[in-house]
């Protein structure tokens, strides 16, 4: 621990530095403006303050520098040799500050530009986000995109992430999350698998079927989520195969190796073409979604705002919903044997 005199000395030095900077900055701005405008009165008008305030700022600066910067008469104001040297050294720095302020105004009010760092889960990023990026870039050519695929939760601060796409239920109060579309999780199988092994008609029957699991980025095996009545229900079925890549899981299902619970965006085209069948749809989980996430609505840069708006509009326009509208009346009217939810034969295991 530093001694008390040392601590006091450091504190006094810090206060003196802060005071010196405040005085110097105001004085330098006043000084540069006088040189640019040609007089103290015009400088006051440009800065929106009185002539006397400009004069006091310059005098404080001269006291700090222990140098006279202007030769002032009743008719003219001119630089001393010291003033010329000081202006030559200060002017580039002040110009950069002015340019920085103008750049910030342009970022806020002008055409959106700059670099945008985006993060998404691997499956959703490849299938849904990536195909939309070309259209976004065409609409906003001034925005450079840095797109990351990672199934781990995005670290907005350490990873310098501007926007992230997340799936499931949002429980992170540190981020703003806008729901894009519902997340539909569907248990699917190939027609060949359904013909040879049948399809489960209840959650209890899952244990008798060849299941394919997904290993998450955390290393855990992903649970299958369902809705049994008003309660969420999670199952981790015994699996014949486990993969840590969603595309490999899908390919295994298409090849007839078993059944798996997959997101609708991944399987919609195969359900429509008949290459996959769905089952246990009445137990499909609700209240989950695909979200676009960012840190704050306050003082949002234009590049982030237009990206969020573009992705929201275009993703909601995609046809990624494969689940039927299911109600208690529909469930009661459904046959319990002989057919699965897609109308395919449902054989006993």
Protein backbone atom coordinates (compact mmCIF):
# COMPACT_ATOMS: atom_id res chain seq x y z
CA UNK A 1 0.00 0.00 0.00
CA UNK A 2 1.40 3.48 -0.82
CA UNK A 3 2.06 5.78 2.10
CA UNK A 4 -0.41 8.55 2.87
CA UNK A 5 1.88 11.38 1.62
CA UNK A 6 2.40 9.49 -1.65
CA UNK A 7 -1.36 8.97 -2.05
CA UNK A 8 -2.04 12.65 -1.39
CA UNK A 9 0.65 13.64 -3.87
CA UNK A 10 -0.87 11.40 -6.55
CA UNK A 11 -4.34 12.80 -5.86
CA UNK A 12 -3.08 16.39 -6.09
CA UNK A 13 -1.26 15.56 -9.33
CA UNK A 14 -4.43 14.00 -10.79
CA UNK A 15 -6.54 17.03 -9.79
CA UNK A 16 -3.94 19.38 -11.24
CA UNK A 17 -3.84 17.38 -14.47
CA UNK A 18 -7.63 17.41 -14.78
CA UNK A 19 -7.77 21.14 -14.07
CA UNK A 20 -4.94 21.81 -16.49
CA UNK A 21 -6.61 19.80 -19.25
CA UNK A 22 -9.97 21.54 -18.76
CA UNK A 23 -8.33 24.97 -18.92
CA UNK A 24 -6.08 24.05 -21.84
CA UNK A 25 -8.87 22.54 -23.90
CA UNK A 26 -11.18 25.53 -23.52
CA UNK A 27 -8.24 27.88 -24.15
CA UNK A 28 -7.05 25.99 -27.23
CA UNK A 29 -10.54 25.98 -28.74
CA UNK A 30 -10.86 29.71 -28.10
CA UNK A 31 -7.36 30.32 -29.47
CA UNK A 32 -7.93 28.34 -32.67
CA UNK A 33 -11.27 30.07 -33.25
CA UNK A 34 -9.73 33.55 -32.83
CA UNK A 35 -7.05 32.68 -35.38
CA UNK A 36 -9.62 31.26 -37.79
CA UNK A 37 -12.14 34.10 -37.45
CA UNK A 38 -9.58 36.91 -37.19
CA UNK A 39 -10.92 38.58 -34.05
CA UNK A 40 -12.11 37.91 -30.51
CA UNK A 41 -15.58 39.28 -31.25
CA UNK A 42 -16.10 37.01 -34.27
CA UNK A 43 -14.72 34.06 -32.33
CA UNK A 44 -17.29 34.73 -29.59
CA UNK A 45 -20.09 34.73 -32.16
CA UNK A 46 -18.82 31.46 -33.66
CA UNK A 47 -18.61 29.76 -30.25
CA UNK A 48 -21.88 31.22 -28.97
CA UNK A 49 -20.21 33.01 -26.04
CA UNK A 50 -19.25 36.60 -25.30
CA UNK A 51 -16.04 38.31 -26.45
CA UNK A 52 -14.90 38.64 -22.86
CA UNK A 53 -15.29 34.89 -22.24
CA UNK A 54 -13.08 34.17 -25.26
CA UNK A 55 -10.52 36.64 -23.98
CA UNK A 56 -10.45 35.08 -20.50
CA UNK A 57 -9.95 31.58 -21.95
CA UNK A 58 -7.03 32.75 -24.07
CA UNK A 59 -5.50 34.63 -21.14
CA UNK A 60 -5.65 31.51 -18.95
CA UNK A 61 -3.98 29.54 -21.74
CA UNK A 62 -1.25 32.15 -22.06
CA UNK A 63 -0.69 31.97 -18.29
CA UNK A 64 -0.38 28.18 -18.46
CA UNK A 65 2.04 28.35 -21.36
CA UNK A 66 3.88 31.34 -19.90
CA UNK A 67 3.87 32.81 -23.39
CA UNK A 68 2.06 35.59 -25.19
CA UNK A 69 0.09 34.25 -28.15
CA UNK A 70 -1.51 37.42 -29.63
CA UNK A 71 -0.52 40.99 -30.26
CA UNK A 72 -3.73 42.91 -29.67
CA UNK A 73 -4.46 46.51 -30.62
CA UNK A 74 -7.72 48.40 -30.94
CA UNK A 75 -7.74 47.71 -34.68
CA UNK A 76 -6.16 44.29 -35.17
CA UNK A 77 -5.25 40.96 -33.64
CA UNK A 78 -2.16 39.10 -34.87
CA UNK A 79 -0.14 36.12 -33.74
CA UNK A 80 3.20 36.37 -32.00
CA UNK A 81 6.00 34.02 -33.08
CA UNK A 82 5.09 31.80 -30.12
CA UNK A 83 1.47 31.97 -31.20
CA UNK A 84 2.35 30.91 -34.74
CA UNK A 85 4.30 27.91 -33.44
CA UNK A 86 1.51 26.93 -31.03
CA UNK A 87 -1.12 27.21 -33.79
CA UNK A 88 0.98 25.07 -36.13
CA UNK A 89 1.22 22.32 -33.50
CA UNK A 90 -2.39 22.48 -32.26
CA UNK A 91 -4.30 22.91 -35.48
CA UNK A 92 -4.02 19.28 -36.75
CA UNK A 93 -5.23 17.93 -33.40
CA UNK A 94 -8.21 20.28 -33.28
CA UNK A 95 -9.06 19.41 -36.87
CA UNK A 96 -9.11 15.73 -35.96
CA UNK A 97 -11.43 16.43 -33.03
CA UNK A 98 -13.77 18.44 -35.27
CA UNK A 99 -13.68 15.67 -37.87
CA UNK A 100 -14.43 13.06 -35.20
CA UNK A 101 -17.51 15.03 -34.11
CA UNK A 102 -18.65 15.37 -37.71
CA UNK A 103 -18.12 11.65 -38.28
CA UNK A 104 -20.32 10.82 -35.28
CA UNK A 105 -23.06 13.10 -36.62
CA UNK A 106 -22.77 11.47 -40.01
CA UNK A 107 -23.00 8.00 -38.46
CA UNK A 108 -26.17 9.06 -36.67
CA UNK A 109 -27.85 11.14 -39.38
CA UNK A 110 -26.19 10.13 -42.66
CA UNK A 111 -26.31 6.91 -44.69
CA UNK A 112 -25.57 3.93 -42.40
CA UNK A 113 -21.93 2.84 -42.57
CA UNK A 114 -19.22 1.22 -40.49
CA UNK A 115 -18.46 -2.34 -39.38
CA UNK A 116 -21.13 -4.63 -37.92
CA UNK A 117 -20.18 -7.72 -35.91
CA UNK A 118 -22.91 -10.39 -35.90
CA UNK A 119 -23.07 -13.71 -34.07
CA UNK A 120 -25.45 -16.63 -34.57
CA UNK A 121 -25.80 -20.29 -33.71
CA UNK A 122 -24.34 -22.48 -36.43
CA UNK A 123 -27.54 -24.08 -37.75
CA UNK A 124 -29.75 -20.98 -37.77
CA UNK A 125 -26.88 -18.85 -39.04
CA UNK A 126 -26.19 -21.07 -42.04
CA UNK A 127 -29.78 -21.79 -42.95
CA UNK A 128 -31.54 -18.49 -42.24
CA UNK A 129 -29.19 -15.59 -41.50
CA UNK A 130 -26.46 -16.11 -44.11
CA UNK A 131 -28.80 -16.20 -47.15
CA UNK A 132 -30.19 -12.78 -46.16
CA UNK A 133 -26.82 -11.04 -45.82
CA UNK A 134 -26.30 -10.52 -49.55
CA UNK A 135 -29.58 -8.61 -49.85
CA UNK A 136 -28.72 -6.52 -46.79
CA UNK A 137 -25.30 -5.65 -48.20
CA UNK A 138 -26.89 -4.63 -51.50
CA UNK A 139 -29.28 -2.33 -49.62
CA UNK A 140 -26.54 -0.88 -47.35
CA UNK A 141 -23.19 -1.10 -49.18
CA UNK A 142 -21.51 1.18 -46.65
CA UNK A 143 -21.81 -1.41 -43.86
CA UNK A 144 -19.07 -4.04 -43.58
CA UNK A 145 -20.23 -7.33 -42.05
CA UNK A 146 -18.28 -9.59 -39.72
CA UNK A 147 -20.39 -12.75 -39.32
CA UNK A 148 -19.52 -15.37 -36.69
CA UNK A 149 -21.06 -18.83 -36.28
CA UNK A 150 -20.87 -20.09 -32.72
CA UNK A 151 -23.32 -22.16 -30.70
CA UNK A 152 -22.05 -20.65 -27.44
CA UNK A 153 -23.92 -17.57 -26.13
CA UNK A 154 -22.50 -14.37 -27.61
CA UNK A 155 -20.37 -12.21 -25.33
CA UNK A 156 -21.39 -8.71 -26.37
CA UNK A 157 -18.62 -6.98 -24.41
CA UNK A 158 -15.55 -9.19 -24.70
CA UNK A 159 -16.48 -10.35 -28.21
CA UNK A 160 -17.40 -6.81 -29.35
CA UNK A 161 -20.63 -8.25 -30.79
CA UNK A 162 -23.20 -5.74 -32.06
CA UNK A 163 -26.08 -8.11 -32.82
CA UNK A 164 -26.67 -11.77 -31.92
CA UNK A 165 -29.30 -14.33 -32.91
CA UNK A 166 -30.45 -16.64 -30.11
CA UNK A 167 -32.91 -19.52 -29.90
CA UNK A 168 -35.16 -20.83 -27.15
CA UNK A 169 -36.40 -18.85 -24.16
CA UNK A 170 -34.81 -15.51 -23.39
CA UNK A 171 -33.88 -15.19 -19.73
CA UNK A 172 -30.95 -12.77 -20.04
CA UNK A 173 -32.01 -9.40 -18.65
CA UNK A 174 -28.76 -7.80 -19.82
CA UNK A 175 -29.80 -7.75 -23.48
CA UNK A 176 -32.73 -6.44 -25.48
CA UNK A 177 -34.34 -9.34 -27.36
CA UNK A 178 -36.83 -8.95 -30.21
CA UNK A 179 -38.70 -12.13 -31.15
CA UNK A 180 -38.41 -12.78 -34.85
CA UNK A 181 -40.41 -15.98 -35.36
CA UNK A 182 -41.57 -18.88 -33.16
CA UNK A 183 -39.10 -21.68 -32.61
CA UNK A 184 -40.86 -24.90 -33.56
CA UNK A 185 -39.22 -28.15 -32.47
CA UNK A 186 -40.51 -31.20 -34.37
CA UNK A 187 -39.79 -34.90 -33.95
CA UNK A 188 -39.05 -36.21 -37.44
CA UNK A 189 -38.25 -39.46 -39.21
CA UNK A 190 -37.80 -40.64 -42.76
CA UNK A 191 -40.64 -42.61 -44.40
CA UNK A 192 -38.31 -45.62 -44.50
CA UNK A 193 -37.71 -45.42 -40.75
CA UNK A 194 -41.42 -45.01 -40.11
CA UNK A 195 -42.21 -48.02 -42.26
CA UNK A 196 -39.63 -50.27 -40.61
CA UNK A 197 -39.87 -49.18 -36.98
CA UNK A 198 -43.07 -47.15 -36.65
CA UNK A 199 -43.42 -43.74 -35.03
CA UNK A 200 -44.07 -42.94 -31.35
CA UNK A 201 -47.60 -41.87 -30.50
CA UNK A 202 -46.80 -40.74 -26.95
CA UNK A 203 -43.80 -39.51 -24.97
CA UNK A 204 -43.65 -42.84 -23.17
CA UNK A 205 -43.08 -44.64 -26.48
CA UNK A 206 -39.90 -42.69 -27.22
CA UNK A 207 -37.83 -45.14 -25.20
CA UNK A 208 -38.69 -47.94 -27.65
CA UNK A 209 -37.45 -46.02 -30.71
CA UNK A 210 -34.10 -45.39 -32.36
CA UNK A 211 -33.31 -41.82 -31.32
CA UNK A 212 -30.54 -39.49 -32.47
CA UNK A 213 -29.26 -36.92 -29.98
CA UNK A 214 -27.38 -33.65 -30.34
CA UNK A 215 -24.37 -32.73 -28.23
CA UNK A 216 -24.45 -29.04 -27.36
CA UNK A 217 -21.53 -26.58 -27.46
CA UNK A 218 -21.31 -26.91 -23.66
CA UNK A 219 -20.62 -30.63 -24.05
CA UNK A 220 -23.99 -31.68 -22.62
CA UNK A 221 -26.45 -33.86 -24.52
CA UNK A 222 -29.40 -31.74 -25.61
CA UNK A 223 -32.76 -32.61 -24.06
CA UNK A 224 -35.88 -33.03 -26.14
CA UNK A 225 -38.45 -30.49 -25.04
CA UNK A 226 -42.21 -31.05 -25.09
CA UNK A 227 -45.40 -29.55 -23.74
CA UNK A 228 -47.55 -32.01 -21.79
CA UNK A 229 -50.74 -30.13 -20.99
CA UNK A 230 -49.72 -26.81 -19.45
CA UNK A 231 -46.36 -28.06 -18.26
CA UNK A 232 -43.04 -28.22 -20.10
CA UNK A 233 -41.59 -31.72 -20.20
CA UNK A 234 -37.96 -32.59 -20.96
CA UNK A 235 -36.69 -35.97 -22.10
CA UNK A 236 -33.21 -37.23 -22.85
CA UNK A 237 -33.88 -40.44 -24.76
CA UNK A 238 -31.34 -43.20 -25.03
CA UNK A 239 -29.68 -42.68 -28.38
CA UNK A 240 -28.23 -44.96 -31.03
CA UNK A 241 -26.16 -42.00 -32.31
CA UNK A 242 -25.08 -38.61 -30.96
CA UNK A 243 -23.60 -35.79 -33.04
CA UNK A 244 -22.45 -32.27 -32.22
CA UNK A 245 -23.55 -30.84 -35.56
CA UNK A 246 -27.20 -30.22 -36.47
CA UNK A 247 -26.65 -30.86 -40.18
CA UNK A 248 -25.19 -34.30 -39.45
CA UNK A 249 -28.17 -35.09 -37.21
CA UNK A 250 -30.52 -34.09 -40.04
CA UNK A 251 -28.63 -36.20 -42.57
CA UNK A 252 -28.78 -39.21 -40.27
CA UNK A 253 -32.56 -38.80 -39.99
CA UNK A 254 -32.90 -38.45 -43.77
CA UNK A 255 -30.86 -41.64 -44.17
CA UNK A 256 -33.32 -43.55 -41.99
CA UNK A 257 -30.99 -44.09 -39.04
CA UNK A 258 -33.58 -42.96 -36.49
CA UNK A 259 -35.75 -40.11 -35.22
CA UNK A 260 -34.65 -36.75 -33.84
CA UNK A 261 -36.15 -33.51 -32.58
CA UNK A 262 -35.18 -30.77 -35.02
CA UNK A 263 -36.05 -27.09 -35.50
CA UNK A 264 -38.65 -26.29 -38.14
CA UNK A 265 -36.37 -24.02 -40.17
CA UNK A 266 -34.12 -27.03 -40.75
CA UNK A 267 -36.78 -29.53 -41.82
CA UNK A 268 -39.62 -27.57 -43.47
CA UNK A 269 -38.54 -28.24 -47.06
CA UNK A 270 -38.14 -31.98 -46.35
CA UNK A 271 -41.55 -32.22 -44.68
CA UNK A 272 -43.20 -30.51 -47.63
CA UNK A 273 -41.45 -32.76 -50.14
CA UNK A 274 -42.30 -35.91 -48.17
CA UNK A 275 -38.69 -36.85 -47.43
CA UNK A 276 -39.48 -36.49 -43.72
CA UNK A 277 -42.53 -37.19 -41.56
CA UNK A 278 -43.33 -35.54 -38.22
CA UNK A 279 -44.84 -37.05 -35.11
CA UNK A 280 -45.72 -36.14 -31.50
CA UNK A 281 -46.80 -32.75 -32.82
CA UNK A 282 -49.44 -32.29 -30.12
CA UNK A 283 -46.57 -32.30 -27.59
CA UNK A 284 -44.53 -29.69 -29.45
CA UNK A 285 -43.16 -27.06 -27.02
CA UNK A 286 -44.59 -23.54 -27.08
CA UNK A 287 -43.39 -20.09 -26.03
CA UNK A 288 -39.96 -20.47 -27.61
CA UNK A 289 -38.60 -18.35 -30.40
CA UNK A 290 -35.76 -17.12 -32.55
CA UNK A 291 -34.57 -13.77 -31.20
CA UNK A 292 -32.42 -10.93 -32.45
CA UNK A 293 -30.50 -9.46 -29.51
CA UNK A 294 -28.53 -6.28 -28.82
CA UNK A 295 -27.40 -4.35 -25.77
CA UNK A 296 -29.45 -1.16 -25.74
CA UNK A 297 -32.11 0.83 -27.56
CA UNK A 298 -30.48 4.10 -26.44
CA UNK A 299 -28.25 5.99 -28.93
CA UNK A 300 -28.26 3.04 -31.29
CA UNK A 301 -25.95 3.50 -34.32
CA UNK A 302 -27.77 3.59 -37.63
CA UNK A 303 -25.89 0.51 -38.90
CA UNK A 304 -27.31 -1.60 -36.05
CA UNK A 305 -30.82 -0.16 -36.33
CA UNK A 306 -31.18 -0.82 -40.07
CA UNK A 307 -29.77 -4.35 -39.69
CA UNK A 308 -32.29 -5.22 -36.97
CA UNK A 309 -35.17 -3.78 -39.01
CA UNK A 310 -34.06 -5.53 -42.20
CA UNK A 311 -33.61 -8.94 -40.58
CA UNK A 312 -36.86 -8.68 -38.65
CA UNK A 313 -38.89 -7.90 -41.77
CA UNK A 314 -37.23 -10.47 -44.03
CA UNK A 315 -37.20 -13.34 -41.53
CA UNK A 316 -40.86 -12.87 -40.70
CA UNK A 317 -41.58 -13.07 -44.42
CA UNK A 318 -39.92 -16.50 -44.70
CA UNK A 319 -42.14 -19.59 -44.71
CA UNK A 320 -40.46 -21.48 -41.85
CA UNK A 321 -43.52 -22.63 -39.90
CA UNK A 322 -44.22 -26.34 -40.35
CA UNK A 323 -46.39 -27.10 -37.37
CA UNK A 324 -50.16 -27.47 -37.67
CA UNK A 325 -52.41 -25.36 -35.49
CA UNK A 326 -53.16 -27.86 -32.76
CA UNK A 327 -56.03 -27.57 -30.33
CA UNK A 328 -57.64 -29.88 -27.80
CA UNK A 329 -60.52 -30.45 -30.21
CA UNK A 330 -58.10 -31.42 -32.99
CA UNK A 331 -56.31 -33.80 -30.63
CA UNK A 332 -59.58 -35.49 -29.63
CA UNK A 333 -60.58 -35.92 -33.26
CA UNK A 334 -57.28 -37.50 -34.30
CA UNK A 335 -57.03 -41.27 -34.77
CA UNK A 336 -54.91 -42.90 -32.08
CA UNK A 337 -53.76 -45.76 -34.26
CA UNK A 338 -52.91 -46.34 -37.87
CA UNK A 339 -51.78 -42.83 -38.87
CA UNK A 340 -49.12 -40.39 -37.76
CA UNK A 341 -49.63 -36.64 -37.74
CA UNK A 342 -48.46 -36.30 -41.34
CA UNK A 343 -50.84 -38.98 -42.60
CA UNK A 344 -48.21 -41.73 -42.95
CA UNK A 345 -48.69 -45.28 -41.69
CA UNK A 346 -47.81 -45.51 -38.01
CA UNK A 347 -46.71 -49.03 -37.20
CA UNK A 348 -46.30 -50.44 -33.75
CA UNK A 349 -42.65 -50.63 -32.73
